Amino acid sequence: MRWTAVVNPTAGRGRTRKLLPHLTDAFAGTDLDVDLRVSEDLEDAIRIARGAFDAGLGVAACGGDGTVNALAGAAADHGGVLGIVPTGAGNDFARHLGLDRRRWREAVSLLETGPVGAVDLGRGELTGDGDGGGTDATVRWFTSVANAGFDSEANRWANGVQWASGTTLYVLAVLRTLATYRPHRFHLTVDGDEHDIEAWLVAIGNTRGYAGGMQVTPAAELDDGQLDVCVVGPVSRFEFLRSFPRVFRGTHVSHPAVDMHRGKVVELASLDPANGSPAIELYGAGERIGPLPARMEAVPGALQVVVPDTAPVPKQPRA
């Protein structure tokens, strides 16, 4: 297979830019037929990837979750094969597949011989009138976790910060958001089962984790055609902060204020009137999708991706 390696130099708050000479050497040290392209921004990375997929090439995404999420969507749309070289800050999707950011050179070598896995993706679509809901512009693939409520507000703030990254950044965002945020009322539907809830946050997981290792939906799998839903109910701010570290181990699911659901189709709407307040927004894999209401769906086998032999997904040898 011929490859285009798409490098997002801003991934990992500039970490990937610093690694660029090493990435170049790593690809040169293989027998791969590869064209390494440095993108100007995420939109440019998507444009490069689409062109490569149209030409029948594989695409290696060199970056973090934002880069991988964007190029996975392009791969799903074009039926192409994606490789992942995890050089970003979070790398939660890569982690679920068994790819280690500390050993990213192994991911480069894997492009030569690794099997191709068929994995699920989530697909989110805005269903309201805001932001052009119901149009192609508001349909987004997501690799890891879609979220609304407390963590989407934390996500929004974190995306504007340049001086921190990874889990440290998200913890800072949690502490900042906790000072002003309050639980909201939502209407949650999972495969037709309806719930009116009050919650700090609702997380819809295609994978186990997000935000650099937080195992918010720890039982999620990439080959079951299902989304796992975590609802954190209206505990006190003190209790939220006290229990927060449990999300790193996935043990928060046993807390009495946490409810878990699973289904193929998840719909979420806000029940709180706007009253001049900003709309509650949906994020997917760290990127803004838009204001609720929204519909999320698990799409089985939507992405073909090069994986290690140990990856917990169905695999086939390289053709």
C-alpha atoms as a PDB file:
ATOM      1  CA  MET A   1       0.000   0.000   0.000  1.00  0.00           C
ATOM      2  CA  ARG A   2       1.128   3.519  -0.775  1.00  0.00           C
ATOM      3  CA  TRP A   3       0.669   6.086   1.980  1.00  0.00           C
ATOM      4  CA  THR A   4       0.245   9.776   2.571  1.00  0.00           C
ATOM      5  CA  ALA A   5       1.375  10.759   6.056  1.00  0.00           C
ATOM      6  CA  VAL A   6      -0.592  13.816   7.163  1.00  0.00           C
ATOM      7  CA  VAL A   7       1.191  15.700   9.950  1.00  0.00           C
ATOM      8  CA  ASN A   8      -0.715  18.197  12.068  1.00  0.00           C
ATOM      9  CA  PRO A   9       2.127  20.314  13.518  1.00  0.00           C
ATOM     10  CA  THR A  10      -0.140  21.943  16.120  1.00  0.00           C
ATOM     11  CA  ALA A  11      -1.172  18.608  17.688  1.00  0.00           C
ATOM     12  CA  GLY A  12      -0.195  18.196  21.314  1.00  0.00           C
ATOM     13  CA  ARG A  13       0.141  21.973  21.712  1.00  0.00           C
ATOM     14  CA  GLY A  14       3.035  21.929  19.220  1.00  0.00           C
ATOM     15  CA  ARG A  15       4.609  18.636  20.315  1.00  0.00           C
ATOM     16  CA  THR A  16       4.157  17.194  16.826  1.00  0.00           C
ATOM     17  CA  ARG A  17       5.978  20.173  15.272  1.00  0.00           C
ATOM     18  CA  LYS A  18       8.983  19.433  17.481  1.00  0.00           C
ATOM     19  CA  LEU A  19       8.852  15.778  16.446  1.00  0.00           C
ATOM     20  CA  LEU A  20       8.711  16.536  12.714  1.00  0.00           C
ATOM     21  CA  PRO A  21      12.421  15.849  11.992  1.00  0.00           C
ATOM     22  CA  HIS A  22      12.149  12.564  13.883  1.00  0.00           C
ATOM     23  CA  LEU A  23       8.946  11.640  12.039  1.00  0.00           C
ATOM     24  CA  THR A  24      10.678  12.323   8.733  1.00  0.00           C
ATOM     25  CA  ASP A  25      13.595  10.087   9.708  1.00  0.00           C
ATOM     26  CA  ALA A  26      11.272   7.344  10.987  1.00  0.00           C
ATOM     27  CA  PHE A  27       9.349   7.152   7.717  1.00  0.00           C
ATOM     28  CA  ALA A  28      12.585   7.299   5.703  1.00  0.00           C
ATOM     29  CA  GLY A  29      13.878   4.325   7.698  1.00  0.00           C
ATOM     30  CA  THR A  30      11.076   2.048   6.453  1.00  0.00           C
ATOM     31  CA  ASP A  31      10.346   0.456   3.094  1.00  0.00           C
ATOM     32  CA  LEU A  32       7.076   2.364   2.887  1.00  0.00           C
ATOM     33  CA  ASP A  33       6.132   4.275  -0.242  1.00  0.00           C
ATOM     34  CA  VAL A  34       5.053   7.385   1.628  1.00  0.00           C
ATOM     35  CA  ASP A  35       4.500  11.044   0.864  1.00  0.00           C
ATOM     36  CA  LEU A  36       4.804  13.110   4.056  1.00  0.00           C
ATOM     37  CA  ARG A  37       2.624  16.217   4.053  1.00  0.00           C
ATOM     38  CA  VAL A  38       2.572  18.903   6.758  1.00  0.00           C
ATOM     39  CA  SER A  39      -0.869  20.483   7.013  1.00  0.00           C
ATOM     40  CA  GLU A  40      -1.511  24.163   7.642  1.00  0.00           C
ATOM     41  CA  ASP A  41      -4.483  23.444   9.913  1.00  0.00           C
ATOM     42  CA  LEU A  42      -7.096  20.767  10.535  1.00  0.00           C
ATOM     43  CA  GLU A  43      -9.173  21.698   7.490  1.00  0.00           C
ATOM     44  CA  ASP A  44      -6.077  21.418   5.320  1.00  0.00           C
ATOM     45  CA  ALA A  45      -5.327  18.006   6.855  1.00  0.00           C
ATOM     46  CA  ILE A  46      -8.819  16.829   5.909  1.00  0.00           C
ATOM     47  CA  ARG A  47      -8.392  18.162   2.370  1.00  0.00           C
ATOM     48  CA  ILE A  48      -5.065  16.328   1.963  1.00  0.00           C
ATOM     49  CA  ALA A  49      -6.535  13.110   3.349  1.00  0.00           C
ATOM     50  CA  ARG A  50      -9.555  13.217   1.057  1.00  0.00           C
ATOM     51  CA  GLY A  51      -7.314  13.651  -1.958  1.00  0.00           C
ATOM     52  CA  ALA A  52      -5.175  10.701  -0.862  1.00  0.00           C
ATOM     53  CA  PHE A  53      -8.183   8.458  -0.285  1.00  0.00           C
ATOM     54  CA  ASP A  54      -9.596   9.400  -3.687  1.00  0.00           C
ATOM     55  CA  ALA A  55      -6.280   8.324  -5.211  1.00  0.00           C
ATOM     56  CA  GLY A  56      -6.489   4.938  -3.483  1.00  0.00           C
ATOM     57  CA  LEU A  57      -3.780   5.673  -0.918  1.00  0.00           C
ATOM     58  CA  GLY A  58      -3.747   4.935   2.783  1.00  0.00           C
ATOM     59  CA  VAL A  59      -3.482   7.894   5.143  1.00  0.00           C
ATOM     60  CA  ALA A  60      -1.346   7.968   8.290  1.00  0.00           C
ATOM     61  CA  ALA A  61      -2.657  10.516  10.790  1.00  0.00           C
ATOM     62  CA  CYS A  62       0.266  12.003  12.730  1.00  0.00           C
ATOM     63  CA  GLY A  63      -1.208  13.912  15.645  1.00  0.00           C
ATOM     64  CA  GLY A  64      -3.596  13.577  18.550  1.00  0.00           C
ATOM     65  CA  ASP A  65      -7.274  12.810  19.003  1.00  0.00           C
ATOM     66  CA  GLY A  66      -8.450  15.867  17.069  1.00  0.00           C
ATOM     67  CA  THR A  67      -6.360  14.943  14.037  1.00  0.00           C
ATOM     68  CA  VAL A  68      -7.263  11.261  14.216  1.00  0.00           C
ATOM     69  CA  ASN A  69     -10.954  12.062  14.656  1.00  0.00           C
ATOM     70  CA  ALA A  70     -11.031  14.329  11.608  1.00  0.00           C
ATOM     71  CA  LEU A  71      -9.124  11.933   9.341  1.00  0.00           C
ATOM     72  CA  ALA A  72     -11.075   8.905  10.588  1.00  0.00           C
ATOM     73  CA  GLY A  73     -14.218  10.673   9.407  1.00  0.00           C
ATOM     74  CA  ALA A  74     -12.643  11.238   5.998  1.00  0.00           C
ATOM     75  CA  ALA A  75     -11.585   7.573   5.864  1.00  0.00           C
ATOM     76  CA  ALA A  76     -15.108   6.430   6.719  1.00  0.00           C
ATOM     77  CA  ASP A  77     -16.622   8.678   4.058  1.00  0.00           C
ATOM     78  CA  HIS A  78     -14.189   7.478   1.379  1.00  0.00           C
ATOM     79  CA  GLY A  79     -13.809   3.819   2.395  1.00  0.00           C
ATOM     80  CA  GLY A  80     -10.080   4.337   2.926  1.00  0.00           C
ATOM     81  CA  VAL A  81      -7.558   2.794   5.322  1.00  0.00           C
ATOM     82  CA  LEU A  82      -6.255   4.901   8.182  1.00  0.00           C
ATOM     83  CA  GLY A  83      -2.985   4.517  10.061  1.00  0.00           C
ATOM     84  CA  ILE A  84      -2.360   6.296  13.363  1.00  0.00           C
ATOM     85  CA  VAL A  85       0.943   7.691  14.610  1.00  0.00           C
ATOM     86  CA  PRO A  86       0.022   9.062  18.047  1.00  0.00           C
ATOM     87  CA  THR A  87       2.013  12.252  18.614  1.00  0.00           C
ATOM     88  CA  GLY A  88      -0.627  14.419  20.292  1.00  0.00           C
ATOM     89  CA  ALA A  89      -1.515  15.121  23.895  1.00  0.00           C
ATOM     90  CA  GLY A  90      -4.490  12.848  24.552  1.00  0.00           C
ATOM     91  CA  ASN A  91      -4.413   9.966  22.053  1.00  0.00           C
ATOM     92  CA  ASP A  92      -7.391   8.203  23.664  1.00  0.00           C
ATOM     93  CA  PHE A  93      -8.535   6.453  20.484  1.00  0.00           C
ATOM     94  CA  ALA A  94      -4.987   5.225  19.803  1.00  0.00           C
ATOM     95  CA  ARG A  95      -4.714   4.057  23.419  1.00  0.00           C
ATOM     96  CA  HIS A  96      -7.878   1.961  23.100  1.00  0.00           C
ATOM     97  CA  LEU A  97      -6.332   0.280  20.053  1.00  0.00           C
ATOM     98  CA  GLY A  98      -3.100  -0.463  21.938  1.00  0.00           C
ATOM     99  CA  LEU A  99      -0.959   2.269  20.373  1.00  0.00           C
ATOM    100  CA  ASP A 100       1.363   4.032  22.833  1.00  0.00           C
ATOM    101  CA  ARG A 101       2.290   7.704  22.323  1.00  0.00           C
ATOM    102  CA  ARG A 102       5.598   7.038  24.083  1.00  0.00           C
ATOM    103  CA  ARG A 103       6.464   4.491  21.385  1.00  0.00           C
ATOM    104  CA  TRP A 104       5.098   6.271  18.326  1.00  0.00           C
ATOM    105  CA  ARG A 105       7.932   4.894  16.155  1.00  0.00           C
ATOM    106  CA  GLU A 106       6.398   1.436  16.545  1.00  0.00           C
ATOM    107  CA  ALA A 107       3.225   2.832  14.999  1.00  0.00           C
ATOM    108  CA  VAL A 108       5.244   3.944  11.960  1.00  0.00           C
ATOM    109  CA  SER A 109       6.666   0.439  11.556  1.00  0.00           C
ATOM    110  CA  LEU A 110       3.193  -1.033  12.006  1.00  0.00           C
ATOM    111  CA  LEU A 111       2.085   0.633   8.768  1.00  0.00           C
ATOM    112  CA  GLU A 112       4.269  -1.858   6.871  1.00  0.00           C
ATOM    113  CA  THR A 113       2.929  -5.104   8.287  1.00  0.00           C
ATOM    114  CA  GLY A 114       0.096  -4.499  10.743  1.00  0.00           C
ATOM    115  CA  PRO A 115      -3.349  -6.017  10.186  1.00  0.00           C
ATOM    116  CA  VAL A 116      -6.342  -3.867   9.338  1.00  0.00           C
ATOM    117  CA  GLY A 117      -9.104  -3.720  11.927  1.00  0.00           C
ATOM    118  CA  ALA A 118     -12.734  -2.830  11.295  1.00  0.00           C
ATOM    119  CA  VAL A 119     -13.890  -0.599  14.152  1.00  0.00           C
ATOM    120  CA  ASP A 120     -17.060   1.260  15.043  1.00  0.00           C
ATOM    121  CA  LEU A 121     -17.407   5.010  14.870  1.00  0.00           C
ATOM    122  CA  GLY A 122     -20.008   7.257  16.418  1.00  0.00           C
ATOM    123  CA  ARG A 123     -21.963   9.636  14.229  1.00  0.00           C
ATOM    124  CA  GLY A 124     -23.519  12.742  15.709  1.00  0.00           C
ATOM    125  CA  GLU A 125     -26.127  14.907  14.043  1.00  0.00           C
ATOM    126  CA  LEU A 126     -27.770  18.096  15.251  1.00  0.00           C
ATOM    127  CA  THR A 127     -31.534  17.785  15.039  1.00  0.00           C
ATOM    128  CA  GLY A 128     -32.712  21.268  16.046  1.00  0.00           C
ATOM    129  CA  ASP A 129     -33.041  24.559  14.229  1.00  0.00           C
ATOM    130  CA  GLY A 130     -29.863  26.099  15.618  1.00  0.00           C
ATOM    131  CA  ASP A 131     -26.607  26.117  13.670  1.00  0.00           C
ATOM    132  CA  GLY A 132     -28.254  24.757  10.546  1.00  0.00           C
ATOM    133  CA  GLY A 133     -29.378  21.543  12.265  1.00  0.00           C
ATOM    134  CA  GLY A 134     -30.305  18.714   9.947  1.00  0.00           C
ATOM    135  CA  THR A 135     -27.829  19.746   7.237  1.00  0.00           C
ATOM    136  CA  ASP A 136     -24.686  17.941   6.145  1.00  0.00           C
ATOM    137  CA  ALA A 137     -22.645  20.649   7.903  1.00  0.00           C
ATOM    138  CA  THR A 138     -23.818  19.398  11.297  1.00  0.00           C
ATOM    139  CA  VAL A 139     -23.179  15.678  10.850  1.00  0.00           C
ATOM    140  CA  ARG A 140     -19.914  14.638  12.480  1.00  0.00           C
ATOM    141  CA  TRP A 141     -18.120  11.361  13.018  1.00  0.00           C
ATOM    142  CA  PHE A 142     -16.537  10.834  16.427  1.00  0.00           C
ATOM    143  CA  THR A 143     -13.938   8.228  17.311  1.00  0.00           C
ATOM    144  CA  SER A 144     -14.039   8.323  21.110  1.00  0.00           C
ATOM    145  CA  VAL A 145     -16.596  10.162  23.276  1.00  0.00           C
ATOM    146  CA  ALA A 146     -19.328  12.708  22.573  1.00  0.00           C
ATOM    147  CA  ASN A 147     -20.318  14.818  25.535  1.00  0.00           C
ATOM    148  CA  ALA A 148     -22.675  17.557  26.668  1.00  0.00           C
ATOM    149  CA  GLY A 149     -23.025  19.532  29.869  1.00  0.00           C
ATOM    150  CA  PHE A 150     -20.219  20.164  32.331  1.00  0.00           C
ATOM    151  CA  ASP A 151     -17.490  18.497  30.287  1.00  0.00           C
ATOM    152  CA  SER A 152     -18.476  20.196  27.025  1.00  0.00           C
ATOM    153  CA  GLU A 153     -18.101  23.565  28.777  1.00  0.00           C
ATOM    154  CA  ALA A 154     -14.743  22.438  30.170  1.00  0.00           C
ATOM    155  CA  ASN A 155     -13.838  21.262  26.669  1.00  0.00           C
ATOM    156  CA  ARG A 156     -14.757  24.651  25.181  1.00  0.00           C
ATOM    157  CA  TRP A 157     -12.479  26.484  27.613  1.00  0.00           C
ATOM    158  CA  ALA A 158      -9.635  23.997  27.218  1.00  0.00           C
ATOM    159  CA  ASN A 159      -9.640  24.344  23.428  1.00  0.00           C
ATOM    160  CA  GLY A 160      -8.660  27.995  23.829  1.00  0.00           C
ATOM    161  CA  VAL A 161      -5.698  27.329  26.140  1.00  0.00           C
ATOM    162  CA  GLN A 162      -2.200  27.046  24.687  1.00  0.00           C
ATOM    163  CA  TRP A 163      -0.041  26.861  27.825  1.00  0.00           C
ATOM    164  CA  ALA A 164      -1.143  23.410  29.064  1.00  0.00           C
ATOM    165  CA  SER A 165      -2.110  20.120  27.443  1.00  0.00           C
ATOM    166  CA  GLY A 166      -3.381  16.587  27.970  1.00  0.00           C
ATOM    167  CA  THR A 167      -4.813  15.468  31.286  1.00  0.00           C
ATOM    168  CA  THR A 168      -3.317  18.465  33.109  1.00  0.00           C
ATOM    169  CA  LEU A 169      -5.278  20.825  30.890  1.00  0.00           C
ATOM    170  CA  TYR A 170      -8.533  18.953  31.404  1.00  0.00           C
ATOM    171  CA  VAL A 171      -8.105  18.877  35.189  1.00  0.00           C
ATOM    172  CA  LEU A 172      -7.573  22.643  35.136  1.00  0.00           C
ATOM    173  CA  ALA A 173     -10.672  23.010  32.969  1.00  0.00           C
ATOM    174  CA  VAL A 174     -12.671  20.914  35.452  1.00  0.00           C
ATOM    175  CA  LEU A 175     -11.627  23.095  38.376  1.00  0.00           C
ATOM    176  CA  ARG A 176     -12.431  26.296  36.496  1.00  0.00           C
ATOM    177  CA  THR A 177     -15.804  25.074  35.254  1.00  0.00           C
ATOM    178  CA  LEU A 178     -16.811  23.683  38.629  1.00  0.00           C
ATOM    179  CA  ALA A 179     -16.803  27.186  40.101  1.00  0.00           C
ATOM    180  CA  THR A 180     -19.642  28.442  37.882  1.00  0.00           C
ATOM    181  CA  TYR A 181     -21.420  25.493  36.302  1.00  0.00           C
ATOM    182  CA  ARG A 182     -24.596  23.869  37.659  1.00  0.00           C
ATOM    183  CA  PRO A 183     -26.432  20.670  36.684  1.00  0.00           C
ATOM    184  CA  HIS A 184     -28.923  20.922  33.810  1.00  0.00           C
ATOM    185  CA  ARG A 185     -32.048  19.031  32.859  1.00  0.00           C
ATOM    186  CA  PHE A 186     -31.922  16.801  29.793  1.00  0.00           C
ATOM    187  CA  HIS A 187     -34.207  14.501  27.858  1.00  0.00           C
ATOM    188  CA  LEU A 188     -32.193  11.366  27.099  1.00  0.00           C
ATOM    189  CA  THR A 189     -33.401   8.606  24.794  1.00  0.00           C
ATOM    190  CA  VAL A 190     -31.448   5.355  24.374  1.00  0.00           C
ATOM    191  CA  ASP A 191     -32.867   3.008  21.719  1.00  0.00           C
ATOM    192  CA  GLY A 192     -36.320   4.463  22.330  1.00  0.00           C
ATOM    193  CA  ASP A 193     -36.109   4.265  26.146  1.00  0.00           C
ATOM    194  CA  GLU A 194     -36.778   7.823  27.388  1.00  0.00           C
ATOM    195  CA  HIS A 195     -35.427   9.495  30.528  1.00  0.00           C
ATOM    196  CA  ASP A 196     -35.923  13.005  31.905  1.00  0.00           C
ATOM    197  CA  ILE A 197     -32.798  13.617  33.955  1.00  0.00           C
ATOM    198  CA  GLU A 198     -30.890  16.271  35.854  1.00  0.00           C
ATOM    199  CA  ALA A 199     -27.183  15.860  35.342  1.00  0.00           C
ATOM    200  CA  TRP A 200     -23.792  17.462  35.544  1.00  0.00           C
ATOM    201  CA  LEU A 201     -22.851  15.759  32.312  1.00  0.00           C
ATOM    202  CA  VAL A 202     -23.844  13.173  29.741  1.00  0.00           C
ATOM    203  CA  ALA A 203     -21.013  11.306  27.983  1.00  0.00           C
ATOM    204  CA  ILE A 204     -21.672   9.007  25.017  1.00  0.00           C
ATOM    205  CA  GLY A 205     -18.722   6.673  24.498  1.00  0.00           C
ATOM    206  CA  ASN A 206     -17.642   4.776  21.424  1.00  0.00           C
ATOM    207  CA  THR A 207     -14.386   4.106  23.306  1.00  0.00           C
ATOM    208  CA  ARG A 208     -13.609   3.889  26.998  1.00  0.00           C
ATOM    209  CA  GLY A 209     -11.845   7.182  27.492  1.00  0.00           C
ATOM    210  CA  TYR A 210     -11.349  10.822  26.633  1.00  0.00           C
ATOM    211  CA  ALA A 211      -9.384  13.870  27.830  1.00  0.00           C
ATOM    212  CA  GLY A 212      -6.086  12.014  28.065  1.00  0.00           C
ATOM    213  CA  GLY A 213      -7.069   8.838  29.904  1.00  0.00           C
ATOM    214  CA  MET A 214     -10.325   9.491  31.761  1.00  0.00           C
ATOM    215  CA  GLN A 215     -12.235   6.198  31.558  1.00  0.00           C
ATOM    216  CA  VAL A 216     -15.698   7.742  31.481  1.00  0.00           C
ATOM    217  CA  THR A 217     -17.347   4.755  29.745  1.00  0.00           C
ATOM    218  CA  PRO A 218     -14.998   1.966  30.863  1.00  0.00           C
ATOM    219  CA  ALA A 219     -16.992  -0.934  29.382  1.00  0.00           C
ATOM    220  CA  ALA A 220     -17.196   0.517  25.854  1.00  0.00           C
ATOM    221  CA  GLU A 221     -15.892  -1.613  22.994  1.00  0.00           C
ATOM    222  CA  LEU A 222     -15.048  -0.783  19.397  1.00  0.00           C
ATOM    223  CA  ASP A 223     -16.700  -3.797  17.785  1.00  0.00           C
ATOM    224  CA  ASP A 224     -20.105  -4.116  19.488  1.00  0.00           C
ATOM    225  CA  GLY A 225     -22.169  -1.628  17.454  1.00  0.00           C
ATOM    226  CA  GLN A 226     -23.189   0.128  20.679  1.00  0.00           C
ATOM    227  CA  LEU A 227     -22.611   3.418  22.462  1.00  0.00           C
ATOM    228  CA  ASP A 228     -22.124   3.490  26.234  1.00  0.00           C
ATOM    229  CA  VAL A 229     -23.757   6.424  28.039  1.00  0.00           C
ATOM    230  CA  CYS A 230     -22.570   7.844  31.352  1.00  0.00           C
ATOM    231  CA  VAL A 231     -24.887  10.210  33.243  1.00  0.00           C
ATOM    232  CA  VAL A 232     -23.450  12.000  36.276  1.00  0.00           C
ATOM    233  CA  GLY A 233     -26.377  13.172  38.403  1.00  0.00           C
ATOM    234  CA  PRO A 234     -26.771  16.334  40.503  1.00  0.00           C
ATOM    235  CA  VAL A 235     -24.353  15.764  43.381  1.00  0.00           C
ATOM    236  CA  SER A 236     -22.903  18.687  45.331  1.00  0.00           C
ATOM    237  CA  ARG A 237     -19.839  20.492  44.021  1.00  0.00           C
ATOM    238  CA  PHE A 238     -17.825  19.049  46.899  1.00  0.00           C
ATOM    239  CA  GLU A 239     -18.954  15.500  46.087  1.00  0.00           C
ATOM    240  CA  PHE A 240     -18.281  16.024  42.371  1.00  0.00           C
ATOM    241  CA  LEU A 241     -14.740  17.160  43.119  1.00  0.00           C
ATOM    242  CA  ARG A 242     -14.177  14.445  45.738  1.00  0.00           C
ATOM    243  CA  SER A 243     -15.275  11.666  43.364  1.00  0.00           C
ATOM    244  CA  PHE A 244     -13.725  13.099  40.226  1.00  0.00           C
ATOM    245  CA  PRO A 245     -10.393  11.163  40.443  1.00  0.00           C
ATOM    246  CA  ARG A 246     -12.324   7.875  40.174  1.00  0.00           C
ATOM    247  CA  VAL A 247     -12.909   8.554  36.463  1.00  0.00           C
ATOM    248  CA  PHE A 248      -9.235   7.811  35.770  1.00  0.00           C
ATOM    249  CA  ARG A 249      -9.819   4.199  36.885  1.00  0.00           C
ATOM    250  CA  GLY A 250     -13.389   3.909  35.618  1.00  0.00           C
ATOM    251  CA  THR A 251     -14.653   3.191  39.133  1.00  0.00           C
ATOM    252  CA  HIS A 252     -16.966   6.215  39.143  1.00  0.00           C
ATOM    253  CA  VAL A 253     -19.632   3.987  37.569  1.00  0.00           C
ATOM    254  CA  SER A 254     -20.380   2.482  40.997  1.00  0.00           C
ATOM    255  CA  HIS A 255     -21.214   5.875  42.506  1.00  0.00           C
ATOM    256  CA  PRO A 256     -24.944   6.105  43.344  1.00  0.00           C
ATOM    257  CA  ALA A 257     -25.297   9.348  41.363  1.00  0.00           C
ATOM    258  CA  VAL A 258     -23.925   7.760  38.176  1.00  0.00           C
ATOM    259  CA  ASP A 259     -26.215   5.932  35.746  1.00  0.00           C
ATOM    260  CA  MET A 260     -24.960   3.904  32.792  1.00  0.00           C
ATOM    261  CA  HIS A 261     -26.890   3.027  29.621  1.00  0.00           C
ATOM    262  CA  ARG A 262     -26.035   1.272  26.371  1.00  0.00           C
ATOM    263  CA  GLY A 263     -27.637   1.401  22.942  1.00  0.00           C
ATOM    264  CA  LYS A 264     -27.137   1.897  19.233  1.00  0.00           C
ATOM    265  CA  VAL A 265     -28.993   5.225  18.985  1.00  0.00           C
ATOM    266  CA  VAL A 266     -28.785   7.958  21.616  1.00  0.00           C
ATOM    267  CA  GLU A 267     -30.778  11.194  21.462  1.00  0.00           C
ATOM    268  CA  LEU A 268     -30.166  14.127  23.774  1.00  0.00           C
ATOM    269  CA  ALA A 269     -32.032  17.412  24.243  1.00  0.00           C
ATOM    270  CA  SER A 270     -31.860  20.197  26.807  1.00  0.00           C
ATOM    271  CA  LEU A 271     -34.962  20.764  28.936  1.00  0.00           C
ATOM    272  CA  ASP A 272     -33.721  24.045  30.402  1.00  0.00           C
ATOM    273  CA  PRO A 273     -34.994  27.273  28.801  1.00  0.00           C
ATOM    274  CA  ALA A 274     -32.273  29.385  27.218  1.00  0.00           C
ATOM    275  CA  ASN A 275     -33.277  32.668  28.937  1.00  0.00           C
ATOM    276  CA  GLY A 276     -30.411  34.380  27.200  1.00  0.00           C
ATOM    277  CA  SER A 277     -27.863  31.784  28.317  1.00  0.00           C
ATOM    278  CA  PRO A 278     -25.612  30.059  25.774  1.00  0.00           C
ATOM    279  CA  ALA A 279     -27.052  26.851  24.361  1.00  0.00           C
ATOM    280  CA  ILE A 280     -25.753  23.566  25.762  1.00  0.00           C
ATOM    281  CA  GLU A 281     -23.446  22.169  23.119  1.00  0.00           C
ATOM    282  CA  LEU A 282     -22.343  18.742  22.012  1.00  0.00           C
ATOM    283  CA  TYR A 283     -18.660  17.957  21.558  1.00  0.00           C
ATOM    284  CA  GLY A 284     -17.216  14.861  19.909  1.00  0.00           C
ATOM    285  CA  ALA A 285     -13.633  13.661  20.489  1.00  0.00           C
ATOM    286  CA  GLY A 286     -12.803  17.130  21.810  1.00  0.00           C
ATOM    287  CA  GLU A 287     -14.224  19.039  18.834  1.00  0.00           C
ATOM    288  CA  ARG A 288     -17.386  21.141  18.813  1.00  0.00           C
ATOM    289  CA  ILE A 289     -20.351  19.648  16.935  1.00  0.00           C
ATOM    290  CA  GLY A 290     -22.985  22.216  17.923  1.00  0.00           C
ATOM    291  CA  PRO A 291     -25.999  22.975  20.131  1.00  0.00           C
ATOM    292  CA  LEU A 292     -28.475  20.370  21.346  1.00  0.00           C
ATOM    293  CA  PRO A 293     -30.733  18.623  20.454  1.00  0.00           C
ATOM    294  CA  ALA A 294     -28.675  15.926  18.781  1.00  0.00           C
ATOM    295  CA  ARG A 295     -28.804  12.306  17.718  1.00  0.00           C
ATOM    296  CA  MET A 296     -25.829   9.949  18.106  1.00  0.00           C
ATOM    297  CA  GLU A 297     -25.541   6.554  16.457  1.00  0.00           C
ATOM    298  CA  ALA A 298     -22.976   3.751  16.562  1.00  0.00           C
ATOM    299  CA  VAL A 299     -21.952   2.740  13.029  1.00  0.00           C
ATOM    300  CA  PRO A 300     -20.479  -0.784  13.102  1.00  0.00           C
ATOM    301  CA  GLY A 301     -17.219  -1.318  11.197  1.00  0.00           C
ATOM    302  CA  ALA A 302     -17.273   2.231   9.793  1.00  0.00           C
ATOM    303  CA  LEU A 303     -13.491   2.641   9.925  1.00  0.00           C
ATOM    304  CA  GLN A 304     -10.669   0.503   8.546  1.00  0.00           C
ATOM    305  CA  VAL A 305      -7.565   1.179  10.615  1.00  0.00           C
ATOM    306  CA  VAL A 306      -4.132  -0.409  10.967  1.00  0.00           C
ATOM    307  CA  VAL A 307      -3.843  -1.912  14.448  1.00  0.00           C
ATOM    308  CA  PRO A 308      -1.443  -4.022  16.528  1.00  0.00           C
ATOM    309  CA  ASP A 309      -2.081  -7.764  16.694  1.00  0.00           C
ATOM    310  CA  THR A 310      -3.229  -7.222  20.289  1.00  0.00           C
ATOM    311  CA  ALA A 311      -5.969  -4.736  19.411  1.00  0.00           C
ATOM    312  CA  PRO A 312      -9.408  -5.789  20.757  1.00  0.00           C
ATOM    313  CA  VAL A 313     -11.155  -5.615  17.355  1.00  0.00           C
ATOM    314  CA  PRO A 314     -11.746  -7.942  14.387  1.00  0.00           C
ATOM    315  CA  LYS A 315      -8.670  -7.988  12.138  1.00  0.00           C
ATOM    316  CA  GLN A 316      -7.714  -9.147   8.683  1.00  0.00           C
ATOM    317  CA  PRO A 317      -4.210  -9.575   7.223  1.00  0.00           C
ATOM    318  CA  ARG A 318      -2.885  -6.881   4.919  1.00  0.00           C
ATOM    319  CA  ALA A 319      -3.832  -7.567   1.294  1.00  0.00           C
END
